[in-house]
Structure formats: C-alpha cells, structure tokens
PDB file of N, CA and C in Angstrom:
ATOM      1  N   MET A   1     135.385  54.261  37.960  1.00  0.00           N
ATOM      2  CA  MET A   1     136.339  54.927  36.678  1.00  0.00           C
ATOM      3  C   MET A   1     137.036  56.609  36.474  1.00  0.00           C
ATOM      4  N   TYR A   2     136.117  57.105  37.390  1.00  0.00           N
ATOM      5  CA  TYR A   2     136.021  58.777  37.203  1.00  0.00           C
ATOM      6  C   TYR A   2     136.741  59.207  38.467  1.00  0.00           C
ATOM      7  N   GLY A   3     137.239  58.655  39.280  1.00  0.00           N
ATOM      8  CA  GLY A   3     137.263  58.746  40.510  1.00  0.00           C
ATOM      9  C   GLY A   3     138.443  59.064  40.920  1.00  0.00           C
ATOM     10  N   THR A   4     139.010  59.377  42.355  1.00  0.00           N
ATOM     11  CA  THR A   4     140.401  59.654  42.756  1.00  0.00           C
ATOM     12  C   THR A   4     141.343  58.776  42.483  1.00  0.00           C
ATOM     13  N   PRO A   5     142.500  59.028  41.168  1.00  0.00           N
ATOM     14  CA  PRO A   5     143.390  57.746  41.097  1.00  0.00           C
ATOM     15  C   PRO A   5     143.981  57.127  42.131  1.00  0.00           C
ATOM     16  N   VAL A   6     144.246  56.190  42.126  1.00  0.00           N
ATOM     17  CA  VAL A   6     144.377  55.261  43.395  1.00  0.00           C
ATOM     18  C   VAL A   6     146.220  54.923  43.048  1.00  0.00           C
ATOM     19  N   PRO A   7     146.934  55.148  44.466  1.00  0.00           N
ATOM     20  CA  PRO A   7     148.571  55.530  43.980  1.00  0.00           C
ATOM     21  C   PRO A   7     148.937  54.107  43.636  1.00  0.00           C
ATOM     22  N   GLY A   8     150.118  54.565  42.690  1.00  0.00           N
ATOM     23  CA  GLY A   8     150.525  52.903  42.279  1.00  0.00           C
ATOM     24  C   GLY A   8     149.932  52.681  41.424  1.00  0.00           C
ATOM     25  N   TYR A   9     148.181  52.450  41.076  1.00  0.00           N
ATOM     26  CA  TYR A   9     147.578  51.641  39.560  1.00  0.00           C
ATOM     27  C   TYR A   9     147.649  52.483  38.660  1.00  0.00           C
ATOM     28  N   HIS A  10     147.811  51.263  38.004  1.00  0.00           N
ATOM     29  CA  HIS A  10     148.156  51.546  36.141  1.00  0.00           C
ATOM     30  C   HIS A  10     147.250  50.804  35.777  1.00  0.00           C
ATOM     31  N   ALA A  11     145.914  51.368  34.795  1.00  0.00           N
ATOM     32  CA  ALA A  11     144.806  50.606  34.515  1.00  0.00           C
ATOM     33  C   ALA A  11     146.045  49.924  33.188  1.00  0.00           C
ATOM     34  N   PRO A  12     144.940  48.923  33.089  1.00  0.00           N
ATOM     35  CA  PRO A  12     145.650  47.935  31.713  1.00  0.00           C
ATOM     36  C   PRO A  12     146.162  48.503  30.901  1.00  0.00           C
ATOM     37  N   ASP A  13     147.100  47.756  30.454  1.00  0.00           N
ATOM     38  CA  ASP A  13     146.953  48.531  28.776  1.00  0.00           C
ATOM     39  C   ASP A  13     145.909  48.668  27.792  1.00  0.00           C
ATOM     40  N   GLU A  14     144.977  47.700  27.998  1.00  0.00           N
ATOM     41  CA  GLU A  14     143.687  47.744  27.131  1.00  0.00           C
ATOM     42  C   GLU A  14     142.926  48.698  27.244  1.00  0.00           C
ATOM     43  N   ILE A  15     142.735  48.719  28.910  1.00  0.00           N
ATOM     44  CA  ILE A  15     142.027  50.420  28.356  1.00  0.00           C
ATOM     45  C   ILE A  15     143.235  51.685  27.987  1.00  0.00           C
ATOM     46  N   THR A  16     144.072  52.003  28.442  1.00  0.00           N
ATOM     47  CA  THR A  16     144.728  53.127  28.021  1.00  0.00           C
ATOM     48  C   THR A  16     145.050  52.948  26.286  1.00  0.00           C
ATOM     49  N   GLY A  17     145.125  52.324  25.876  1.00  0.00           N
ATOM     50  CA  GLY A  17     145.018  51.759  24.274  1.00  0.00           C
ATOM     51  C   GLY A  17     144.107  52.577  23.863  1.00  0.00           C
ATOM     52  N   ILE A  18     142.374  51.799  24.666  1.00  0.00           N
ATOM     53  CA  ILE A  18     141.344  52.679  24.169  1.00  0.00           C
ATOM     54  C   ILE A  18     141.468  54.210  24.473  1.00  0.00           C
ATOM     55  N   ALA A  19     141.733  54.142  25.340  1.00  0.00           N
ATOM     56  CA  ALA A  19     141.543  56.004  26.030  1.00  0.00           C
ATOM     57  C   ALA A  19     142.337  56.674  25.058  1.00  0.00           C
ATOM     58  N   ALA A  20     143.720  56.223  24.263  1.00  0.00           N
ATOM     59  CA  ALA A  20     144.653  56.937  23.621  1.00  0.00           C
ATOM     60  C   ALA A  20     143.962  56.687  21.875  1.00  0.00           C
ATOM     61  N   GLU A  21     143.131  55.847  21.875  1.00  0.00           N
ATOM     62  CA  GLU A  21     142.348  55.905  20.273  1.00  0.00           C
ATOM     63  C   GLU A  21     141.121  57.026  20.938  1.00  0.00           C
ATOM     64  N   ILE A  22     140.429  57.283  21.444  1.00  0.00           N
ATOM     65  CA  ILE A  22     139.677  58.159  21.659  1.00  0.00           C
ATOM     66  C   ILE A  22     140.264  59.068  21.481  1.00  0.00           C
ATOM     67  N   MET A  23     141.413  59.863  22.411  1.00  0.00           N
ATOM     68  CA  MET A  23     142.076  61.002  22.063  1.00  0.00           C
ATOM     69  C   MET A  23     142.731  61.468  20.594  1.00  0.00           C
ATOM     70  N   ALA A  24     143.358  60.029  20.106  1.00  0.00           N
ATOM     71  CA  ALA A  24     143.779  60.635  18.349  1.00  0.00           C
ATOM     72  C   ALA A  24     142.481  60.857  17.710  1.00  0.00           C
ATOM     73  N   VAL A  25     141.404  60.641  18.075  1.00  0.00           N
ATOM     74  CA  VAL A  25     140.073  61.212  17.530  1.00  0.00           C
ATOM     75  C   VAL A  25     140.091  62.543  17.846  1.00  0.00           C
ATOM     76  N   LEU A  26     139.522  62.995  18.532  1.00  0.00           N
ATOM     77  CA  LEU A  26     139.288  64.174  18.812  1.00  0.00           C
ATOM     78  C   LEU A  26     140.950  65.320  18.697  1.00  0.00           C
ATOM     79  N   LEU A  27     141.906  64.170  19.169  1.00  0.00           N
ATOM     80  CA  LEU A  27     143.036  65.666  18.071  1.00  0.00           C
ATOM     81  C   LEU A  27     142.789  65.789  16.875  1.00  0.00           C
ATOM     82  N   ASP A  28     143.087  65.003  15.789  1.00  0.00           N
ATOM     83  CA  ASP A  28     142.676  64.327  14.631  1.00  0.00           C
ATOM     84  C   ASP A  28     140.696  65.902  13.868  1.00  0.00           C
ATOM     85  N   ALA A  29     140.350  65.441  15.150  1.00  0.00           N
ATOM     86  CA  ALA A  29     138.969  66.605  14.699  1.00  0.00           C
ATOM     87  C   ALA A  29     139.623  67.983  15.191  1.00  0.00           C
ATOM     88  N   SER A  30     140.508  68.024  16.057  1.00  0.00           N
ATOM     89  CA  SER A  30     140.792  69.168  16.252  1.00  0.00           C
ATOM     90  C   SER A  30     141.988  70.372  15.327  1.00  0.00           C
ATOM     91  N   ALA A  31     142.267  68.771  14.514  1.00  0.00           N
ATOM     92  CA  ALA A  31     143.866  69.360  14.179  1.00  0.00           C
ATOM     93  C   ALA A  31     142.863  70.314  12.613  1.00  0.00           C
ATOM     94  N   ALA A  32     142.084  69.434  12.197  1.00  0.00           N
ATOM     95  CA  ALA A  32     141.544  69.670  10.665  1.00  0.00           C
ATOM     96  C   ALA A  32     140.635  71.620  10.822  1.00  0.00           C
ATOM     97  N   VAL A  33     140.265  71.665  12.541  1.00  0.00           N
ATOM     98  CA  VAL A  33     139.948  73.091  12.226  1.00  0.00           C
ATOM     99  C   VAL A  33     140.896  74.193  12.068  1.00  0.00           C
ATOM    100  N   PRO A  34     141.006  75.260  11.025  1.00  0.00           N
ATOM    101  CA  PRO A  34     142.503  75.809  11.241  1.00  0.00           C
ATOM    102  C   PRO A  34     142.138  76.870  12.727  1.00  0.00           C
ATOM    103  N   SER A  35     143.477  77.518  12.533  1.00  0.00           N
ATOM    104  CA  SER A  35     144.091  77.984  13.929  1.00  0.00           C
ATOM    105  C   SER A  35     144.143  79.942  13.417  1.00  0.00           C
ATOM    106  N   ASP A  36     143.533  80.721  14.652  1.00  0.00           N
ATOM    107  CA  ASP A  36     143.927  81.943  14.331  1.00  0.00           C
ATOM    108  C   ASP A  36     145.354  82.342  14.009  1.00  0.00           C
ATOM    109  N   GLY A  37     146.196  81.689  14.516  1.00  0.00           N
ATOM    110  CA  GLY A  37     147.352  81.702  14.952  1.00  0.00           C
ATOM    111  C   GLY A  37     147.963  82.330  15.623  1.00  0.00           C
ATOM    112  N   MET A  38     147.265  82.751  16.854  1.00  0.00           N
ATOM    113  CA  MET A  38     147.570  83.528  17.861  1.00  0.00           C
ATOM    114  C   MET A  38     147.703  82.341  19.324  1.00  0.00           C
ATOM    115  N   ALA A  39     149.164  81.758  19.632  1.00  0.00           N
ATOM    116  CA  ALA A  39     148.961  81.125  20.557  1.00  0.00           C
ATOM    117  C   ALA A  39     148.274  81.747  22.249  1.00  0.00           C
ATOM    118  N   THR A  40     147.660  80.906  22.841  1.00  0.00           N
ATOM    119  CA  THR A  40     147.305  81.456  23.841  1.00  0.00           C
ATOM    120  C   THR A  40     148.536  80.825  24.959  1.00  0.00           C
ATOM    121  N   PRO A  41     148.732  80.946  26.392  1.00  0.00           N
ATOM    122  CA  PRO A  41     149.365  80.635  27.363  1.00  0.00           C
ATOM    123  C   PRO A  41     149.096  79.252  27.543  1.00  0.00           C
ATOM    124  N   LEU A  42     148.015  78.679  27.551  1.00  0.00           N
ATOM    125  CA  LEU A  42     147.637  77.623  27.508  1.00  0.00           C
ATOM    126  C   LEU A  42     148.029  76.116  26.496  1.00  0.00           C
ATOM    127  N   GLU A  43     148.262  76.911  25.241  1.00  0.00           N
ATOM    128  CA  GLU A  43     148.916  76.395  23.979  1.00  0.00           C
ATOM    129  C   GLU A  43     150.190  75.781  24.167  1.00  0.00           C
ATOM    130  N   ALA A  44     151.116  77.365  24.401  1.00  0.00           N
ATOM    131  CA  ALA A  44     152.354  77.193  24.978  1.00  0.00           C
ATOM    132  C   ALA A  44     153.035  76.403  26.110  1.00  0.00           C
ATOM    133  N   HIS A  45     152.020  76.126  27.377  1.00  0.00           N
ATOM    134  CA  HIS A  45     151.930  75.143  28.172  1.00  0.00           C
ATOM    135  C   HIS A  45     152.024  73.878  27.499  1.00  0.00           C
ATOM    136  N   LEU A  46     150.747  73.556  26.589  1.00  0.00           N
ATOM    137  CA  LEU A  46     150.583  72.484  26.053  1.00  0.00           C
ATOM    138  C   LEU A  46     152.077  72.010  25.087  1.00  0.00           C
ATOM    139  N   ALA A  47     152.571  73.308  24.187  1.00  0.00           N
ATOM    140  CA  ALA A  47     153.538  72.449  23.717  1.00  0.00           C
ATOM    141  C   ALA A  47     154.431  72.057  23.682  1.00  0.00           C
ATOM    142  N   ASP A  48     155.083  72.437  25.369  1.00  0.00           N
ATOM    143  CA  ASP A  48     155.956  71.615  26.200  1.00  0.00           C
ATOM    144  C   ASP A  48     155.394  70.417  26.938  1.00  0.00           C
ATOM    145  N   HIS A  49     154.307  70.253  26.761  1.00  0.00           N
ATOM    146  CA  HIS A  49     153.249  68.815  28.018  1.00  0.00           C
ATOM    147  C   HIS A  49     152.994  68.209  26.717  1.00  0.00           C
ATOM    148  N   ARG A  50     152.989  67.637  26.039  1.00  0.00           N
ATOM    149  CA  ARG A  50     152.445  66.840  24.738  1.00  0.00           C
ATOM    150  C   ARG A  50     151.914  64.967  25.661  1.00  0.00           C
ATOM    151  N   GLN A  51     153.210  64.761  26.645  1.00  0.00           N
ATOM    152  CA  GLN A  51     153.209  63.261  26.346  1.00  0.00           C
ATOM    153  C   GLN A  51     151.994  62.824  26.738  1.00  0.00           C
ATOM    154  N   TRP A  52     150.363  63.260  26.875  1.00  0.00           N
ATOM    155  CA  TRP A  52     149.640  62.379  27.336  1.00  0.00           C
ATOM    156  C   TRP A  52     148.823  62.430  25.538  1.00  0.00           C
ATOM    157  N   ALA A  53     149.301  62.899  24.934  1.00  0.00           N
ATOM    158  CA  ALA A  53     148.775  63.184  23.222  1.00  0.00           C
ATOM    159  C   ALA A  53     149.620  62.117  22.639  1.00  0.00           C
ATOM    160  N   GLY A  54     150.542  61.283  23.806  1.00  0.00           N
ATOM    161  CA  GLY A  54     151.441  60.614  22.839  1.00  0.00           C
ATOM    162  C   GLY A  54     152.440  60.638  21.446  1.00  0.00           C
ATOM    163  N   GLU A  55     152.186  60.045  20.224  1.00  0.00           N
ATOM    164  CA  GLU A  55     152.892  60.427  19.676  1.00  0.00           C
ATOM    165  C   GLU A  55     151.859  61.326  18.063  1.00  0.00           C
ATOM    166  N   HIS A  56     151.138  61.971  18.369  1.00  0.00           N
ATOM    167  CA  HIS A  56     150.111  62.724  17.752  1.00  0.00           C
ATOM    168  C   HIS A  56     150.699  63.865  17.480  1.00  0.00           C
ATOM    169  N   PRO A  57     150.839  64.032  16.241  1.00  0.00           N
ATOM    170  CA  PRO A  57     151.896  65.273  15.535  1.00  0.00           C
ATOM    171  C   PRO A  57     150.910  66.615  15.902  1.00  0.00           C
ATOM    172  N   ALA A  58     149.633  66.663  16.492  1.00  0.00           N
ATOM    173  CA  ALA A  58     148.938  67.889  16.786  1.00  0.00           C
ATOM    174  C   ALA A  58     149.567  68.884  17.255  1.00  0.00           C
ATOM    175  N   PRO A  59     149.082  70.232  16.232  1.00  0.00           N
ATOM    176  CA  PRO A  59     149.639  71.738  16.803  1.00  0.00           C
ATOM    177  C   PRO A  59     148.972  72.106  18.178  1.00  0.00           C
ATOM    178  N   PRO A  60     150.004  72.694  19.285  1.00  0.00           N
ATOM    179  CA  PRO A  60     149.077  72.870  20.314  1.00  0.00           C
ATOM    180  C   PRO A  60     147.700  73.428  20.124  1.00  0.00           C
ATOM    181  N   ALA A  61     147.241  74.707  19.012  1.00  0.00           N
ATOM    182  CA  ALA A  61     145.949  74.803  19.412  1.00  0.00           C
ATOM    183  C   ALA A  61     144.591  73.583  18.981  1.00  0.00           C
ATOM    184  N   ALA A  62     145.523  72.381  18.890  1.00  0.00           N
ATOM    185  CA  ALA A  62     144.651  71.510  18.072  1.00  0.00           C
ATOM    186  C   ALA A  62     144.361  70.651  19.747  1.00  0.00           C
ATOM    187  N   MET A  63     145.831  70.443  20.794  1.00  0.00           N
ATOM    188  CA  MET A  63     145.705  69.595  21.825  1.00  0.00           C
ATOM    189  C   MET A  63     144.417  70.985  22.711  1.00  0.00           C
ATOM    190  N   ARG A  64     144.626  71.827  22.650  1.00  0.00           N
ATOM    191  CA  ARG A  64     143.636  73.092  23.529  1.00  0.00           C
ATOM    192  C   ARG A  64     142.142  72.755  23.238  1.00  0.00           C
ATOM    193  N   ARG A  65     142.358  72.599  21.963  1.00  0.00           N
ATOM    194  CA  ARG A  65     141.101  71.777  21.682  1.00  0.00           C
ATOM    195  C   ARG A  65     140.275  70.828  21.880  1.00  0.00           C
ATOM    196  N   ALA A  66     141.153  69.741  21.620  1.00  0.00           N
ATOM    197  CA  ALA A  66     140.636  68.608  21.923  1.00  0.00           C
ATOM    198  C   ALA A  66     140.605  68.461  23.492  1.00  0.00           C
ATOM    199  N   LEU A  67     141.456  69.411  24.736  1.00  0.00           N
ATOM    200  CA  LEU A  67     141.236  68.962  25.885  1.00  0.00           C
ATOM    201  C   LEU A  67     140.028  69.590  26.377  1.00  0.00           C
ATOM    202  N   ALA A  68     139.710  70.812  25.978  1.00  0.00           N
ATOM    203  CA  ALA A  68     138.303  71.425  25.897  1.00  0.00           C
ATOM    204  C   ALA A  68     137.041  70.682  25.667  1.00  0.00           C
ATOM    205  N   PHE A  69     137.289  69.622  24.614  1.00  0.00           N
ATOM    206  CA  PHE A  69     135.838  68.939  24.409  1.00  0.00           C
ATOM    207  C   PHE A  69     136.052  68.045  25.472  1.00  0.00           C
ATOM    208  N   TRP A  70     137.357  67.432  25.649  1.00  0.00           N
ATOM    209  CA  TRP A  70     137.001  66.102  26.766  1.00  0.00           C
ATOM    210  C   TRP A  70     136.599  66.437  27.932  1.00  0.00           C
ATOM    211  N   THR A  71     137.168  67.343  28.654  1.00  0.00           N
ATOM    212  CA  THR A  71     137.064  67.915  29.750  1.00  0.00           C
ATOM    213  C   THR A  71     135.406  68.415  30.011  1.00  0.00           C
ATOM    214  N   ARG A  72     135.111  69.550  29.389  1.00  0.00           N
ATOM    215  CA  ARG A  72     133.392  69.545  29.474  1.00  0.00           C
ATOM    216  C   ARG A  72     132.505  68.513  29.468  1.00  0.00           C
ATOM    217  N   LEU A  73     133.163  67.407  28.211  1.00  0.00           N
ATOM    218  CA  LEU A  73     131.835  66.208  27.960  1.00  0.00           C
ATOM    219  C   LEU A  73     132.103  65.774  29.152  1.00  0.00           C
ATOM    220  N   HIS A  74     133.106  65.190  29.374  1.00  0.00           N
ATOM    221  CA  HIS A  74     133.854  64.604  30.643  1.00  0.00           C
ATOM    222  C   HIS A  74     132.736  64.797  31.874  1.00  0.00           C
ATOM    223  N   GLY A  75     132.648  66.308  32.257  1.00  0.00           N
ATOM    224  CA  GLY A  75     132.525  66.728  33.252  1.00  0.00           C
ATOM    225  C   GLY A  75     130.689  67.166  33.361  1.00  0.00           C
ATOM    226  N   VAL A  76     130.345  66.934  32.041  1.00  0.00           N
ATOM    227  CA  VAL A  76     128.870  67.060  31.992  1.00  0.00           C
ATOM    228  C   VAL A  76     128.765  65.231  32.494  1.00  0.00           C
ATOM    229  N   LEU A  77     128.779  64.238  32.271  1.00  0.00           N
ATOM    230  CA  LEU A  77     128.718  63.254  31.955  1.00  0.00           C
ATOM    231  C   LEU A  77     129.183  62.651  33.550  1.00  0.00           C
ATOM    232  N   SER A  78     130.071  63.177  33.814  1.00  0.00           N
ATOM    233  CA  SER A  78     130.248  62.470  35.592  1.00  0.00           C
ATOM    234  C   SER A  78     129.404  63.101  36.322  1.00  0.00           C
ATOM    235  N   LEU A  79     129.028  64.421  36.517  1.00  0.00           N
ATOM    236  CA  LEU A  79     127.881  65.029  37.184  1.00  0.00           C
ATOM    237  C   LEU A  79     126.134  64.164  37.079  1.00  0.00           C
ATOM    238  N   GLU A  80     126.344  63.758  35.375  1.00  0.00           N
ATOM    239  CA  GLU A  80     124.783  62.753  35.488  1.00  0.00           C
ATOM    240  C   GLU A  80     125.082  62.028  35.910  1.00  0.00           C
ATOM    241  N   LEU A  81     126.169  60.724  35.708  1.00  0.00           N
ATOM    242  CA  LEU A  81     126.425  59.516  36.689  1.00  0.00           C
ATOM    243  C   LEU A  81     126.090  59.430  37.845  1.00  0.00           C
ATOM    244  N   ALA A  82     126.895  60.680  38.661  1.00  0.00           N
ATOM    245  CA  ALA A  82     126.705  61.091  40.173  1.00  0.00           C
ATOM    246  C   ALA A  82     125.404  61.540  40.317  1.00  0.00           C
ATOM    247  N   GLY A  83     124.260  61.722  39.814  1.00  0.00           N
ATOM    248  CA  GLY A  83     123.144  61.691  40.100  1.00  0.00           C
ATOM    249  C   GLY A  83     123.101  63.680  40.466  1.00  0.00           C
ATOM    250  N   HIS A  84     124.141  63.909  39.986  1.00  0.00           N
ATOM    251  CA  HIS A  84     124.096  65.405  41.043  1.00  0.00           C
ATOM    252  C   HIS A  84     122.631  66.362  39.937  1.00  0.00           C
ATOM    253  N   PHE A  85     122.396  65.660  38.964  1.00  0.00           N
ATOM    254  CA  PHE A  85     121.176  66.889  37.677  1.00  0.00           C
ATOM    255  C   PHE A  85     119.851  66.170  38.196  1.00  0.00           C
ATOM    256  N   ASP A  86     119.936  65.227  39.106  1.00  0.00           N
ATOM    257  CA  ASP A  86     118.804  64.829  40.099  1.00  0.00           C
ATOM    258  C   ASP A  86     117.993  65.968  40.542  1.00  0.00           C
ATOM    259  N   GLY A  87     116.588  65.657  40.373  1.00  0.00           N
ATOM    260  CA  GLY A  87     116.025  67.137  41.529  1.00  0.00           C
ATOM    261  C   GLY A  87     116.506  68.740  40.218  1.00  0.00           C
ATOM    262  N   MET A  88     116.847  68.661  39.638  1.00  0.00           N
ATOM    263  CA  MET A  88     117.425  70.301  38.824  1.00  0.00           C
ATOM    264  C   MET A  88     115.944  70.682  37.893  1.00  0.00           C
ATOM    265  N   GLY A  89     115.651  69.476  38.061  1.00  0.00           N
ATOM    266  CA  GLY A  89     114.492  69.670  36.294  1.00  0.00           C
ATOM    267  C   GLY A  89     114.878  70.102  35.049  1.00  0.00           C
ATOM    268  N   ILE A  90     116.257  69.793  34.950  1.00  0.00           N
ATOM    269  CA  ILE A  90     116.346  69.703  33.420  1.00  0.00           C
ATOM    270  C   ILE A  90     116.637  67.996  32.733  1.00  0.00           C
ATOM    271  N   ASP A  91     116.853  68.623  31.572  1.00  0.00           N
ATOM    272  CA  ASP A  91     117.094  67.289  30.816  1.00  0.00           C
ATOM    273  C   ASP A  91     118.063  66.933  30.094  1.00  0.00           C
ATOM    274  N   PRO A  92     119.597  66.306  31.016  1.00  0.00           N
ATOM    275  CA  PRO A  92     120.546  65.881  30.806  1.00  0.00           C
ATOM    276  C   PRO A  92     121.169  66.165  29.133  1.00  0.00           C
ATOM    277  N   ALA A  93     120.582  65.346  28.423  1.00  0.00           N
ATOM    278  CA  ALA A  93     120.600  64.874  26.888  1.00  0.00           C
ATOM    279  C   ALA A  93     120.646  65.862  26.279  1.00  0.00           C
ATOM    280  N   GLN A  94     119.502  67.068  26.909  1.00  0.00           N
ATOM    281  CA  GLN A  94     119.873  68.309  26.123  1.00  0.00           C
ATOM    282  C   GLN A  94     120.858  69.634  26.561  1.00  0.00           C
ATOM    283  N   LEU A  95     121.462  69.059  27.686  1.00  0.00           N
ATOM    284  CA  LEU A  95     122.702  69.961  28.428  1.00  0.00           C
ATOM    285  C   LEU A  95     123.547  69.628  27.635  1.00  0.00           C
ATOM    286  N   PHE A  96     124.180  68.050  27.755  1.00  0.00           N
ATOM    287  CA  PHE A  96     124.438  67.489  27.041  1.00  0.00           C
ATOM    288  C   PHE A  96     125.166  68.147  25.232  1.00  0.00           C
ATOM    289  N   ALA A  97     124.141  68.107  24.353  1.00  0.00           N
ATOM    290  CA  ALA A  97     123.989  68.137  23.696  1.00  0.00           C
ATOM    291  C   ALA A  97     124.474  69.433  23.173  1.00  0.00           C
ATOM    292  N   ALA A  98     123.742  70.521  24.178  1.00  0.00           N
ATOM    293  CA  ALA A  98     124.032  71.988  24.353  1.00  0.00           C
ATOM    294  C   ALA A  98     126.000  72.425  24.320  1.00  0.00           C
ATOM    295  N   GLU A  99     126.603  71.042  24.836  1.00  0.00           N
ATOM    296  CA  GLU A  99     127.640  71.223  25.431  1.00  0.00           C
ATOM    297  C   GLU A  99     128.641  70.764  24.197  1.00  0.00           C
ATOM    298  N   VAL A 100     128.135  70.108  23.236  1.00  0.00           N
ATOM    299  CA  VAL A 100     128.704  69.130  22.143  1.00  0.00           C
ATOM    300  C   VAL A 100     128.414  70.326  21.308  1.00  0.00           C
ATOM    301  N   ASP A 101     127.301  70.874  20.771  1.00  0.00           N
ATOM    302  CA  ASP A 101     127.559  71.965  20.249  1.00  0.00           C
ATOM    303  C   ASP A 101     128.229  73.273  19.906  1.00  0.00           C
ATOM    304  N   GLU A 102     128.167  73.533  21.910  1.00  0.00           N
ATOM    305  CA  GLU A 102     129.405  74.871  21.803  1.00  0.00           C
ATOM    306  C   GLU A 102     130.631  74.295  22.037  1.00  0.00           C
ATOM    307  N   VAL A 103     131.090  73.134  21.828  1.00  0.00           N
ATOM    308  CA  VAL A 103     132.316  72.776  21.856  1.00  0.00           C
ATOM    309  C   VAL A 103     132.985  72.623  20.315  1.00  0.00           C
ATOM    310  N   LEU A 104     132.117  72.317  19.772  1.00  0.00           N
ATOM    311  CA  LEU A 104     132.504  72.117  18.621  1.00  0.00           C
ATOM    312  C   LEU A 104     132.493  73.723  17.692  1.00  0.00           C
ATOM    313  N   ALA A 105     131.560  74.553  18.318  1.00  0.00           N
ATOM    314  CA  ALA A 105     132.050  76.014  18.028  1.00  0.00           C
ATOM    315  C   ALA A 105     133.014  76.549  18.350  1.00  0.00           C
ATOM    316  N   LEU A 106     134.097  75.988  19.525  1.00  0.00           N
ATOM    317  CA  LEU A 106     135.178  76.415  19.463  1.00  0.00           C
ATOM    318  C   LEU A 106     136.050  76.569  18.190  1.00  0.00           C
TER     319      LEU A 106
END
C-alpha cells in the first residue's frame, strides 16, 4: 500500500475515490483555519500544481496544511507498521498523538 509505486499500475477507482474523500476532509479542515496571507514558496508551487486536490477550491495555504498533516501522520504510521519503533522503548501511540497535536497547531 505504501511501497514503491509499480510502473503502469493504477489503483481501482473505489480506492482512489476513498483517498480523494479523505483528502477532501483534510482540505476542508485546513481551509477553515485562517491564513496570515503571507504565501510561502511551497504555497506558490501548490497554486500551480492542484491536480492532487481534485476539484477542491482550497487556497494554497490550506493545501500546504493538508499536505503537512497527511505526510507527517503517514510517516509515523508507515514507520510503526514497518516495525521501526520496535526496540526503541517509545510508545508509538504517544508519538502519533503528539504529531496530531503539533500538526493541528500549524
């Protein structure tokens, strides 16, 4: 699921549809957060690269927040699923909760 993409493979519409629904929720939540109006270089880039957001009207600042949320939490979950936290003596659930709190503070 989170491995290297297979050349020529396209996930079934039912799977990509679910992923699009999840991203729409993240974009909605991110768009509800007021922006300071100062565009970052990433936001300028995202303004021209919207295809991943589908038809969602989220402004670039909301797109940046949604991507930050998704990539950070995806990373923590991927590392946990792959067993990279085994033997470290930490509680992955606490790490995940801390990441959620930190991303929400963006």
